[in-house]
Amino acid sequence: LLFLQRVLLLVASDVDALCACKILQALFQCDHVQYTLVPVSGWQELETAFLEHKDQFKYFVLINCGANVDLLEILQPEEDTFFFVCDSHRPINVVNVYNDTQIKLLVKQDDDLDVPAYDDIFRDEEDEEEDSENESDGSEPSEKRRRFEEDVIERTMKRRQRREWEARRREILFDYEQYEYHGTSSAMVMFDLAWIMSKDLNDMLWWAIVGLTDQWIQDKITQMKYVTDIGILQRHVSRHNHRNEDEENSLSIDCMRIAFEYDLRLALYQHWSLYESLCNTSYTSASLKLWSVQGQKRLQEFLADMGLPLKQVKQKFHSMDMSLKENLREMIEESANKFGMKDLRVQTFSIHFGFKNKFSASDIVYATASLMENIEKEGPETTNFIKALDSLSRGNLDKLHQGLDLAKKQLRAIQQTVASCICTNLVISQGPFLYCSLMEGTPDVKLFSKPVSLCLLSKYLLKSFVCSTKNKRCKLLPLIMAAPMDVEQGTVIMVGIPPETESSDKKNFFGRAFEKAADSTNSRTLHNHFDMSIIELKIEDRSKFLDALISLLS
């Protein structure tokens, strides 16, 4: 289909999208398909990119964008334009689902989309209009009157049925579109495609793993979904990486090997010190309440319980004594159980390049995300995207290490911001939700004007708040977080996240709620992000917007 055509790739700015893009690029290379890659960070950029390129291209591939709106309505394409949409955002817009000429959705076969039936939401117009055009004139007046009365009754019935159908349609669509959530990672869908075409390589498999891990780290999928998908990938990993360990080339310089691991849930610990990692991982920091003096004391007790000397814990992980490192995971897990951290180990994968480079999938996610939202260098937006994309290739270890350094800075900034929000009681209950707003001039506030960083911060903050509050009702509430976006224009960026509960289905109702609150108050908002639960808002409109949200959700 695409062999002779040039293709335009429109790729969203998240790690899963980058991984899916790498797999597709490799597939295109196999088949000598020419393509142009355009990064898009929101709807405005997507529309602009389409308008700029629609004359040269007939085929568009959208990665992690485009599924949850009516694409044909927004882009108004010509009839000979085709869109291939690989997007994990759910629910998928019904028009995209039922348009099989111009829009091709790439989804896994077993993904349950829960789409309403065609007849419940679309209705042919022609059966409305075949009213009384067929009266014959030769019959008796009484006959005519009788037929006229029957006709009136029939038309009234039809109108009533149509009204009922429309009311039911509104209800069905409301239920279907009410919550935003995520389906299978796009990188996994792309890998599946490669596998079906028998073109899957170990590199592609690694990108699929990183895409899934991104969904888990960003808290977009349930634990159940994560474990299921890990199982699927594990079968591919053993198929690709089963060569005998004793072959002498098993770890030659340019070789790569993927392994399944039951690893510690500590951020970047193999490239940091164990101490820093414990302090800056949201799970351990929230469980031990590290923002308090009491929490710092518990951390010392935790380290003492493991029998690890402070000197060892505070130096770089790769400089620790080998004897300590050998049983480290077991030691940490055993002590963690005593301190109420029962989920400190997690199923994941690691990758070995050559002799000495080993990374876990979560290392790559943190590094790539930090490169993508790097605020240190001013330059065109796309340079960060290209750098992040490059860091996923195994030839670019220097970029990956730069990403790891940025990620450590980011995690420290998040942890310090969480501590200061909790210690200064910045998280307030607004009734149906918790609210926290970062002020201009807060340290690292520029970092949190970026969507991925702000979402990570919100999730870490909510976890920590739930651990720190005594109020039972507050533990069950969702959180809205706001940070300064553009000081000159007077805008804030706002994100809403679902409650932090064990059984959470990760479904988010804030997208629809934000739209309604903005409409009812005429607030000047920009719904530009592919995640509906992230918006930009004028500072002057913030209080009326929040008031509308409170009354809407109460």
Protein backbone atom coordinates (compact mmCIF):
# COMPACT_ATOMS: atom_id res chain seq x y z
CA LEU A 1 0.00 0.00 0.00
CA LEU A 2 2.64 2.53 1.08
CA PHE A 3 5.49 1.29 -1.12
CA LEU A 4 5.42 4.04 -3.72
CA GLN A 5 4.02 6.81 -1.57
CA ARG A 6 5.73 9.29 0.68
CA VAL A 7 4.28 9.23 4.17
CA LEU A 8 4.01 12.00 6.75
CA LEU A 9 4.60 10.83 10.34
CA LEU A 10 3.00 13.01 13.02
CA VAL A 11 4.34 11.97 16.42
CA ALA A 12 3.20 13.18 19.85
CA SER A 13 5.70 14.17 22.57
CA ASP A 14 5.65 11.21 24.91
CA VAL A 15 8.07 8.31 25.35
CA ASP A 16 5.63 5.63 24.17
CA ALA A 17 5.06 7.62 20.94
CA LEU A 18 8.82 7.95 20.39
CA CYS A 19 9.26 4.19 20.81
CA ALA A 20 6.43 3.43 18.39
CA CYS A 21 8.02 5.91 15.98
CA LYS A 22 11.41 4.12 16.20
CA ILE A 23 9.78 0.78 15.38
CA LEU A 24 7.88 2.26 12.43
CA GLN A 25 11.02 4.00 11.14
CA ALA A 26 12.85 0.65 11.22
CA LEU A 27 9.98 -1.00 9.33
CA PHE A 28 9.95 1.79 6.76
CA GLN A 29 13.70 1.35 6.31
CA CYS A 30 13.22 -2.39 5.66
CA ASP A 31 10.74 -1.63 2.89
CA HIS A 32 12.39 1.55 1.54
CA VAL A 33 9.33 3.68 2.31
CA GLN A 34 10.09 7.41 2.16
CA TYR A 35 8.71 9.45 5.02
CA THR A 36 8.91 12.85 6.68
CA LEU A 37 8.78 13.09 10.47
CA VAL A 38 7.05 16.02 12.19
CA PRO A 39 6.84 16.18 16.01
CA VAL A 40 3.54 17.60 17.29
CA SER A 41 2.99 18.54 20.92
CA GLY A 42 -0.69 19.45 20.70
CA TRP A 43 -3.76 19.93 18.49
CA GLN A 44 -2.61 23.31 17.16
CA GLU A 45 0.71 21.90 15.91
CA LEU A 46 -1.10 18.89 14.45
CA GLU A 47 -3.47 21.12 12.45
CA THR A 48 -0.63 23.38 11.29
CA ALA A 49 1.50 20.43 10.21
CA PHE A 50 -1.42 18.95 8.28
CA LEU A 51 -2.20 22.24 6.51
CA GLU A 52 1.46 22.72 5.57
CA HIS A 53 1.86 19.23 4.12
CA LYS A 54 -1.56 18.23 2.81
CA ASP A 55 -0.69 19.12 -0.80
CA GLN A 56 2.46 16.96 -0.94
CA PHE A 57 1.18 13.95 1.02
CA LYS A 58 -1.79 11.63 0.73
CA TYR A 59 -0.84 9.27 3.58
CA PHE A 60 -0.56 10.42 7.21
CA VAL A 61 0.45 8.28 10.18
CA LEU A 62 -0.53 9.69 13.59
CA ILE A 63 1.19 8.26 16.67
CA ASN A 64 -0.41 8.82 20.10
CA CYS A 65 -2.59 11.60 18.76
CA GLY A 66 -5.81 11.87 16.79
CA ALA A 67 -7.93 8.97 18.03
CA ASN A 68 -10.07 10.77 20.59
CA VAL A 69 -11.47 13.57 18.37
CA ASP A 70 -13.36 13.61 15.08
CA LEU A 71 -10.32 13.89 12.77
CA LEU A 72 -12.26 14.60 9.58
CA GLU A 73 -14.16 17.39 11.31
CA ILE A 74 -10.98 19.03 12.63
CA LEU A 75 -8.71 18.64 9.59
CA GLN A 76 -11.29 18.79 6.75
CA PRO A 77 -9.11 16.65 4.44
CA GLU A 78 -9.68 15.91 0.73
CA GLU A 79 -11.33 12.58 -0.05
CA ASP A 80 -8.13 10.99 -1.34
CA THR A 81 -6.27 11.56 1.94
CA PHE A 82 -5.79 8.62 4.31
CA PHE A 83 -4.96 8.55 8.03
CA PHE A 84 -3.41 5.62 9.89
CA VAL A 85 -3.94 6.28 13.60
CA CYS A 86 -1.97 4.43 16.27
CA ASP A 87 -3.02 6.08 19.51
CA SER A 88 -3.40 4.73 23.05
CA HIS A 89 -5.85 7.50 24.07
CA ARG A 90 -9.32 6.18 24.84
CA PRO A 91 -12.21 6.43 24.22
CA ILE A 92 -11.75 6.53 20.46
CA ASN A 93 -14.08 8.99 18.75
CA VAL A 94 -17.05 7.08 17.26
CA VAL A 95 -16.73 8.71 13.84
CA ASN A 96 -13.12 7.48 13.62
CA VAL A 97 -14.25 3.97 14.53
CA TYR A 98 -17.00 3.77 11.94
CA ASN A 99 -15.25 5.61 9.10
CA ASP A 100 -13.44 2.82 7.30
CA THR A 101 -12.58 4.68 4.11
CA GLN A 102 -10.23 7.46 5.20
CA ILE A 103 -9.35 6.50 8.76
CA LYS A 104 -7.57 3.26 9.59
CA LEU A 105 -7.16 2.60 13.30
CA LEU A 106 -4.21 0.48 14.38
CA VAL A 107 -5.36 -1.31 17.54
CA LYS A 108 -4.61 -4.72 19.03
CA GLN A 109 -7.27 -7.29 18.22
CA ASP A 110 -7.99 -8.14 21.85
CA ASP A 111 -8.31 -4.49 22.96
CA ASP A 112 -11.85 -4.02 24.22
CA LEU A 113 -12.92 -0.62 22.87
CA ASP A 114 -16.51 -0.74 24.25
CA VAL A 115 -17.75 1.24 21.23
CA PRO A 116 -21.53 1.84 21.07
CA ALA A 117 -23.39 0.03 18.27
CA TYR A 118 -23.61 1.86 14.94
CA ASP A 119 -27.42 2.02 14.93
CA ASP A 120 -27.49 3.59 18.40
CA ILE A 121 -25.55 6.67 17.31
CA PHE A 122 -25.98 7.07 13.55
CA ARG A 123 -29.28 7.25 11.72
CA ASP A 124 -29.94 7.38 8.00
CA GLU A 125 -31.68 10.57 6.96
CA GLU A 126 -33.73 9.12 4.07
CA ASP A 127 -36.25 7.29 6.25
CA GLU A 128 -37.22 10.67 7.76
CA GLU A 129 -38.47 12.29 4.60
CA GLU A 130 -40.70 9.80 2.85
CA ASP A 131 -43.81 11.53 4.10
CA SER A 132 -47.10 12.05 2.35
CA GLU A 133 -46.00 12.62 -1.23
CA ASN A 134 -48.06 9.71 -2.51
CA GLU A 135 -51.69 10.80 -2.24
CA SER A 136 -53.93 9.90 -5.18
CA ASP A 137 -56.64 12.36 -6.12
CA GLY A 138 -59.32 10.04 -7.45
CA SER A 139 -60.66 8.79 -4.09
CA GLU A 140 -63.65 9.95 -2.01
CA PRO A 141 -63.25 12.96 0.35
CA SER A 142 -63.98 10.76 3.39
CA GLU A 143 -61.28 8.33 2.27
CA LYS A 144 -58.88 11.27 1.91
CA ARG A 145 -59.61 12.56 5.37
CA ARG A 146 -59.11 9.14 6.93
CA ARG A 147 -55.77 8.79 5.18
CA PHE A 148 -54.76 12.29 6.23
CA GLU A 149 -55.51 11.50 9.89
CA GLU A 150 -53.54 8.25 9.73
CA ASP A 151 -50.70 10.21 8.19
CA VAL A 152 -50.68 12.79 10.97
CA ILE A 153 -50.64 10.05 13.60
CA GLU A 154 -47.81 8.24 11.84
CA ARG A 155 -45.75 11.42 11.54
CA THR A 156 -46.30 12.28 15.19
CA MET A 157 -45.19 8.75 16.16
CA LYS A 158 -42.09 9.09 13.99
CA ARG A 159 -41.18 12.41 15.59
CA ARG A 160 -41.64 10.99 19.05
CA GLN A 161 -39.47 7.97 18.19
CA ARG A 162 -36.81 10.26 16.82
CA ARG A 163 -36.82 12.39 19.99
CA GLU A 164 -36.53 9.27 22.13
CA TRP A 165 -33.73 7.95 19.93
CA GLU A 166 -31.85 11.24 20.19
CA ALA A 167 -32.19 11.36 23.98
CA ARG A 168 -30.93 7.78 24.19
CA ARG A 169 -28.06 8.62 21.83
CA ARG A 170 -26.98 11.53 24.05
CA GLU A 171 -27.03 9.22 27.06
CA ILE A 172 -25.02 6.48 25.30
CA LEU A 173 -22.40 8.95 24.06
CA PHE A 174 -22.16 10.60 27.48
CA ASP A 175 -21.45 7.23 29.10
CA TYR A 176 -18.95 6.32 26.40
CA GLU A 177 -17.05 9.63 26.41
CA GLN A 178 -17.26 10.48 30.09
CA TYR A 179 -13.93 8.98 31.19
CA GLU A 180 -10.53 9.26 29.57
CA TYR A 181 -8.15 6.30 29.87
CA HIS A 182 -5.39 4.49 27.95
CA GLY A 183 -5.34 1.35 25.84
CA THR A 184 -2.36 -0.82 24.86
CA SER A 185 0.91 1.08 24.41
CA SER A 186 1.42 2.26 20.81
CA ALA A 187 4.94 0.84 20.79
CA MET A 188 3.49 -2.59 21.61
CA VAL A 189 0.92 -2.24 18.81
CA MET A 190 3.71 -1.34 16.36
CA PHE A 191 5.82 -4.25 17.55
CA ASP A 192 2.85 -6.55 17.03
CA LEU A 193 2.63 -5.27 13.46
CA ALA A 194 6.34 -5.98 12.91
CA TRP A 195 5.92 -9.45 14.38
CA ILE A 196 2.95 -10.26 12.12
CA MET A 197 5.08 -9.17 9.15
CA SER A 198 7.99 -11.33 10.45
CA LYS A 199 10.22 -8.26 10.61
CA ASP A 200 10.56 -7.97 14.38
CA LEU A 201 14.09 -7.37 15.68
CA ASN A 202 15.47 -7.30 19.20
CA ASP A 203 15.80 -3.51 19.04
CA MET A 204 12.10 -3.18 18.20
CA LEU A 205 11.24 -5.47 21.09
CA TRP A 206 13.24 -3.26 23.46
CA TRP A 207 11.36 -0.17 22.25
CA ALA A 208 8.05 -1.96 22.86
CA ILE A 209 9.21 -2.71 26.43
CA VAL A 210 10.19 0.95 26.99
CA GLY A 211 6.80 2.09 25.61
CA LEU A 212 4.93 -0.14 28.05
CA THR A 213 7.19 0.92 30.95
CA ASP A 214 6.43 4.56 30.10
CA GLN A 215 2.70 3.86 30.53
CA TRP A 216 3.41 2.27 33.90
CA ILE A 217 5.69 5.06 35.17
CA GLN A 218 3.24 7.74 34.03
CA ASP A 219 0.50 5.77 35.82
CA LYS A 220 -1.63 5.51 32.69
CA ILE A 221 -2.57 1.83 33.02
CA THR A 222 -3.65 -0.48 35.82
CA GLN A 223 -1.23 -2.86 37.54
CA MET A 224 -3.24 -5.73 36.06
CA LYS A 225 -2.82 -4.44 32.48
CA TYR A 226 0.90 -3.86 33.08
CA VAL A 227 1.49 -7.40 34.35
CA THR A 228 -0.54 -8.90 31.47
CA ASP A 229 1.43 -6.96 28.85
CA ILE A 230 4.75 -7.79 30.55
CA GLY A 231 3.76 -11.46 30.17
CA ILE A 232 3.13 -11.01 26.44
CA LEU A 233 6.50 -9.30 25.95
CA GLN A 234 8.27 -11.89 28.08
CA ARG A 235 7.43 -14.58 25.53
CA HIS A 236 8.95 -12.48 22.76
CA VAL A 237 12.02 -11.79 24.91
CA SER A 238 12.72 -15.49 25.46
CA ARG A 239 12.22 -16.10 21.73
CA HIS A 240 14.76 -13.41 20.78
CA ASN A 241 17.30 -13.78 23.58
CA HIS A 242 17.62 -17.51 24.16
CA ARG A 243 21.12 -18.02 22.71
CA ASN A 244 23.49 -20.11 24.80
CA GLU A 245 25.12 -18.05 27.51
CA ASP A 246 28.44 -19.82 27.09
CA GLU A 247 29.06 -18.78 23.49
CA GLU A 248 32.08 -16.51 23.55
CA ASN A 249 30.28 -13.81 21.56
CA SER A 250 27.35 -13.70 23.97
CA LEU A 251 28.54 -10.30 25.15
CA SER A 252 30.66 -8.96 22.35
CA ILE A 253 31.03 -5.19 22.02
CA ASP A 254 28.12 -4.58 19.66
CA CYS A 255 25.79 -7.24 20.98
CA MET A 256 22.61 -6.50 22.93
CA ARG A 257 20.72 -8.81 25.23
CA ILE A 258 17.35 -8.28 26.92
CA ALA A 259 16.56 -10.07 30.19
CA PHE A 260 13.43 -10.35 32.33
CA GLU A 261 14.04 -9.17 35.91
CA TYR A 262 12.20 -8.88 39.16
CA ASP A 263 13.83 -5.58 40.00
CA LEU A 264 13.68 -2.91 42.70
CA ARG A 265 11.19 -0.14 42.20
CA LEU A 266 13.86 2.49 42.89
CA ALA A 267 14.36 5.22 40.29
CA LEU A 268 17.73 5.14 38.50
CA TYR A 269 19.43 3.40 41.47
CA GLN A 270 22.07 1.70 39.31
CA HIS A 271 23.24 5.08 38.02
CA TRP A 272 22.91 6.95 41.32
CA SER A 273 23.56 6.17 44.97
CA LEU A 274 21.13 3.90 46.76
CA TYR A 275 20.50 6.69 49.28
CA GLU A 276 19.59 9.30 46.63
CA SER A 277 17.35 6.80 44.89
CA LEU A 278 15.47 5.91 48.10
CA CYS A 279 14.96 9.63 48.80
CA ASN A 280 13.78 10.53 45.30
CA THR A 281 11.55 7.57 44.41
CA SER A 282 7.93 8.48 45.08
CA TYR A 283 7.02 5.05 46.45
CA THR A 284 9.71 4.94 49.15
CA SER A 285 9.62 8.66 49.90
CA ALA A 286 5.83 8.63 50.40
CA SER A 287 5.80 5.38 52.43
CA LEU A 288 8.54 6.63 54.79
CA LYS A 289 7.17 10.25 54.80
CA LEU A 290 10.65 11.60 54.09
CA TRP A 291 9.53 15.27 54.18
CA SER A 292 9.28 15.04 58.00
CA VAL A 293 11.95 14.68 60.69
CA GLN A 294 10.20 11.49 61.75
CA GLY A 295 10.48 10.16 58.20
CA GLN A 296 14.21 10.85 58.01
CA LYS A 297 14.57 8.88 61.23
CA ARG A 298 12.63 5.99 59.72
CA LEU A 299 14.96 6.02 56.72
CA GLN A 300 17.97 5.64 59.04
CA GLU A 301 16.20 2.76 60.82
CA PHE A 302 15.39 1.15 57.47
CA LEU A 303 19.06 1.30 56.38
CA ALA A 304 20.17 -0.02 59.76
CA ASP A 305 17.70 -2.89 59.49
CA MET A 306 19.32 -3.92 56.21
CA GLY A 307 22.73 -3.71 57.82
CA LEU A 308 24.07 -1.39 55.15
CA PRO A 309 26.74 1.12 56.27
CA LEU A 310 25.88 4.75 55.40
CA LYS A 311 29.22 5.16 53.64
CA GLN A 312 28.28 2.37 51.21
CA VAL A 313 24.72 3.58 50.69
CA LYS A 314 25.78 7.13 49.87
CA GLN A 315 28.39 6.33 47.26
CA LYS A 316 27.71 5.64 43.61
CA PHE A 317 25.97 2.31 43.16
CA HIS A 318 28.64 0.85 40.87
CA SER A 319 31.32 1.62 43.49
CA MET A 320 29.52 -0.31 46.26
CA ASP A 321 31.15 -3.48 47.60
CA MET A 322 30.38 -6.45 45.40
CA SER A 323 29.58 -8.54 48.47
CA LEU A 324 26.77 -6.14 49.39
CA LYS A 325 25.44 -5.86 45.86
CA GLU A 326 25.04 -9.59 45.38
CA ASN A 327 22.09 -10.06 47.76
CA LEU A 328 21.00 -6.44 47.75
CA ARG A 329 17.53 -7.00 46.25
CA GLU A 330 16.66 -9.71 48.78
CA MET A 331 18.01 -7.63 51.70
CA ILE A 332 16.07 -4.55 50.68
CA GLU A 333 12.87 -6.47 50.03
CA GLU A 334 13.00 -8.20 53.40
CA SER A 335 13.47 -4.93 55.31
CA ALA A 336 10.92 -3.10 53.13
CA ASN A 337 8.24 -5.62 54.13
CA LYS A 338 8.84 -4.79 57.79
CA PHE A 339 8.42 -1.09 57.02
CA GLY A 340 5.13 -1.55 55.19
CA MET A 341 6.55 -1.34 51.66
CA LYS A 342 5.27 -4.60 50.26
CA ASP A 343 5.53 -3.69 46.58
CA LEU A 344 9.16 -2.70 46.35
CA ARG A 345 9.89 -5.21 43.58
CA VAL A 346 8.39 -5.06 40.15
CA GLN A 347 8.48 -7.20 37.02
CA THR A 348 10.51 -5.47 34.34
CA PHE A 349 13.29 -5.97 31.79
CA SER A 350 16.88 -4.84 31.49
CA ILE A 351 19.17 -4.51 28.52
CA HIS A 352 22.90 -5.21 28.24
CA PHE A 353 24.99 -3.52 25.57
CA GLY A 354 28.35 -5.22 25.17
CA PHE A 355 30.39 -5.79 28.33
CA LYS A 356 29.54 -3.11 30.81
CA ASN A 357 26.45 -1.12 29.88
CA LYS A 358 23.32 -2.26 31.63
CA PHE A 359 20.08 -0.28 31.82
CA SER A 360 16.64 -1.10 33.11
CA ALA A 361 13.57 -0.12 31.06
CA SER A 362 12.59 2.53 33.61
CA ASP A 363 16.06 4.18 33.34
CA ILE A 364 15.41 4.72 29.64
CA VAL A 365 11.92 6.14 30.26
CA TYR A 366 13.17 8.71 32.79
CA ALA A 367 16.14 9.69 30.60
CA THR A 368 14.12 10.05 27.39
CA ALA A 369 11.30 12.01 29.05
CA SER A 370 13.82 14.40 30.63
CA LEU A 371 15.56 15.03 27.31
CA MET A 372 12.20 15.73 25.71
CA GLU A 373 11.20 18.32 28.31
CA ASN A 374 14.68 19.76 28.89
CA ILE A 375 14.32 23.44 29.81
CA GLU A 376 18.03 24.21 30.04
CA LYS A 377 18.79 25.11 26.45
CA GLU A 378 16.71 27.59 24.53
CA GLY A 379 16.28 26.58 20.93
CA PRO A 380 13.67 25.29 18.53
CA GLU A 381 11.21 22.95 20.26
CA THR A 382 12.07 20.13 17.87
CA THR A 383 15.72 19.82 19.00
CA ASN A 384 14.61 18.26 22.30
CA PHE A 385 12.36 15.83 20.44
CA ILE A 386 15.15 14.76 18.07
CA LYS A 387 17.60 14.35 20.98
CA ALA A 388 15.12 12.23 22.91
CA LEU A 389 14.46 10.11 19.82
CA ASP A 390 18.20 9.64 19.25
CA SER A 391 18.80 8.61 22.85
CA LEU A 392 16.70 5.50 22.18
CA SER A 393 19.25 4.16 19.64
CA ARG A 394 21.95 2.06 21.22
CA GLY A 395 24.70 3.91 19.37
CA ASN A 396 23.96 7.09 21.33
CA LEU A 397 25.02 6.25 24.86
CA ASP A 398 26.34 9.77 25.45
CA LYS A 399 22.84 11.23 24.86
CA LEU A 400 21.36 8.57 27.12
CA HIS A 401 23.79 9.47 29.93
CA GLN A 402 22.95 13.15 29.47
CA GLY A 403 19.28 12.16 29.82
CA LEU A 404 20.02 10.21 33.03
CA ASP A 405 21.70 13.29 34.55
CA LEU A 406 18.72 15.47 33.62
CA ALA A 407 16.34 12.85 35.03
CA LYS A 408 18.13 12.92 38.41
CA LYS A 409 17.73 16.70 38.51
CA GLN A 410 14.06 16.36 37.61
CA LEU A 411 13.36 13.72 40.28
CA ARG A 412 15.14 15.84 42.91
CA ALA A 413 13.11 18.89 41.87
CA ILE A 414 9.86 16.88 42.08
CA GLN A 415 10.72 15.50 45.51
CA GLN A 416 11.67 18.94 46.90
CA THR A 417 8.48 20.48 45.50
CA VAL A 418 6.36 17.69 47.00
CA ALA A 419 8.04 18.18 50.39
CA SER A 420 7.47 21.94 50.36
CA CYS A 421 3.82 21.57 49.24
CA ILE A 422 3.11 19.17 52.10
CA CYS A 423 5.08 21.04 54.78
CA THR A 424 3.43 24.38 53.90
CA ASN A 425 -0.05 22.82 53.54
CA LEU A 426 -0.44 23.88 49.90
CA VAL A 427 -2.76 20.96 49.13
CA ILE A 428 -6.27 22.10 50.03
CA SER A 429 -9.57 20.25 49.88
CA GLN A 430 -12.08 22.04 47.65
CA GLY A 431 -14.97 19.66 48.38
CA PRO A 432 -15.09 17.19 45.48
CA PHE A 433 -11.33 17.40 44.76
CA LEU A 434 -7.98 18.46 46.20
CA TYR A 435 -6.28 21.52 44.74
CA CYS A 436 -2.68 22.66 44.74
CA SER A 437 -1.23 25.66 42.94
CA LEU A 438 2.47 26.43 42.49
CA MET A 439 3.32 30.11 42.72
CA GLU A 440 5.54 31.99 40.29
CA GLY A 441 9.04 32.09 41.82
CA THR A 442 8.87 28.59 43.37
CA PRO A 443 12.18 26.78 42.69
CA ASP A 444 12.08 24.68 39.46
CA VAL A 445 8.66 26.09 38.58
CA LYS A 446 9.69 26.42 34.90
CA LEU A 447 10.14 22.64 34.68
CA PHE A 448 6.53 22.13 35.77
CA SER A 449 5.13 24.19 32.92
CA LYS A 450 5.81 21.04 30.84
CA PRO A 451 2.96 18.49 30.77
CA VAL A 452 4.86 15.22 31.46
CA SER A 453 6.82 16.77 34.36
CA LEU A 454 3.70 18.36 35.82
CA CYS A 455 1.79 15.07 35.64
CA LEU A 456 4.64 13.20 37.36
CA LEU A 457 4.75 15.86 40.07
CA SER A 458 0.95 15.66 40.56
CA LYS A 459 1.05 11.89 40.90
CA TYR A 460 3.96 11.98 43.35
CA LEU A 461 2.25 14.73 45.34
CA LEU A 462 -1.07 12.90 45.56
CA LYS A 463 0.68 9.68 46.69
CA SER A 464 2.56 11.60 49.38
CA PHE A 465 -0.49 13.57 50.48
CA VAL A 466 -2.54 10.38 50.88
CA CYS A 467 0.24 8.96 53.09
CA SER A 468 0.49 12.15 55.16
CA THR A 469 -3.15 13.16 55.76
CA LYS A 470 -5.21 11.88 58.66
CA ASN A 471 -8.48 12.82 56.93
CA LYS A 472 -10.09 9.63 55.59
CA ARG A 473 -12.29 11.47 53.08
CA CYS A 474 -9.34 13.35 51.57
CA LYS A 475 -7.54 10.07 50.89
CA LEU A 476 -10.20 9.21 48.29
CA LEU A 477 -10.22 12.50 46.38
CA PRO A 478 -8.73 13.31 42.96
CA LEU A 479 -6.25 16.20 42.60
CA ILE A 480 -6.08 19.28 40.38
CA MET A 481 -2.65 20.86 40.14
CA ALA A 482 -1.82 24.22 38.57
CA ALA A 483 1.54 25.78 37.66
CA PRO A 484 2.51 29.03 35.90
CA MET A 485 2.69 28.52 32.14
CA ASP A 486 3.49 31.82 30.48
CA VAL A 487 4.02 34.82 32.75
CA GLU A 488 3.74 37.43 29.96
CA GLN A 489 0.45 36.03 28.71
CA GLY A 490 -0.80 35.41 32.24
CA THR A 491 -1.63 31.72 31.79
CA VAL A 492 -1.43 28.65 34.02
CA ILE A 493 -1.26 24.99 33.04
CA MET A 494 -3.67 22.76 34.92
CA VAL A 495 -3.87 18.98 35.19
CA GLY A 496 -6.47 16.76 36.86
CA ILE A 497 -5.62 13.25 38.05
CA PRO A 498 -7.86 10.47 39.43
CA PRO A 499 -7.83 9.36 43.10
CA GLU A 500 -4.86 7.36 44.41
CA THR A 501 -6.53 4.10 45.46
CA GLU A 502 -5.38 0.49 45.27
CA SER A 503 -8.27 -0.51 43.04
CA SER A 504 -8.09 2.57 40.80
CA ASP A 505 -9.04 1.88 37.18
CA LYS A 506 -6.95 4.93 36.10
CA LYS A 507 -9.99 6.45 34.38
CA ASN A 508 -9.99 10.22 34.41
CA PHE A 509 -13.18 12.33 34.30
CA PHE A 510 -11.47 15.74 34.38
CA GLY A 511 -11.27 16.18 30.60
CA ARG A 512 -15.05 16.43 30.16
CA ALA A 513 -15.44 18.35 33.43
CA PHE A 514 -12.85 20.95 32.34
CA GLU A 515 -14.70 21.46 29.04
CA LYS A 516 -18.06 21.94 30.76
CA ALA A 517 -16.71 24.30 33.42
CA ALA A 518 -14.96 26.41 30.76
CA ASP A 519 -18.12 26.59 28.63
CA SER A 520 -20.45 27.50 31.47
CA THR A 521 -18.23 30.36 32.72
CA ASN A 522 -16.81 31.56 29.38
CA SER A 523 -13.33 31.04 30.83
CA ARG A 524 -10.50 31.59 28.38
CA THR A 525 -9.04 28.11 28.21
CA LEU A 526 -6.93 26.30 25.64
CA HIS A 527 -7.60 22.58 25.27
CA ASN A 528 -4.49 21.98 23.21
CA HIS A 529 -3.08 18.80 24.78
CA PHE A 530 -3.78 15.31 23.45
CA ASP A 531 -4.65 14.39 27.05
CA MET A 532 -7.97 16.11 27.66
CA SER A 533 -7.22 16.39 31.39
CA ILE A 534 -4.47 18.98 30.77
CA ILE A 535 -5.54 22.53 29.91
CA GLU A 536 -4.16 26.06 29.82
CA LEU A 537 -6.14 28.84 31.48
CA LYS A 538 -5.97 32.62 31.94
CA ILE A 539 -5.04 33.46 35.55
CA GLU A 540 -7.92 35.98 35.92
CA ASP A 541 -10.44 33.25 35.02
CA ARG A 542 -9.07 30.71 37.46
CA SER A 543 -11.37 31.35 40.42
CA LYS A 544 -14.65 31.33 38.43
CA PHE A 545 -13.43 28.23 36.57
CA LEU A 546 -12.70 26.39 39.87
CA ASP A 547 -16.04 27.49 41.33
CA ALA A 548 -17.82 26.03 38.30
CA LEU A 549 -15.87 22.78 38.69
CA ILE A 550 -16.80 22.51 42.36
CA SER A 551 -20.51 22.92 41.66
CA LEU A 552 -20.30 20.59 38.65
CA LEU A 553 -18.62 17.77 40.58
CA SER A 554 -20.39 18.18 43.92
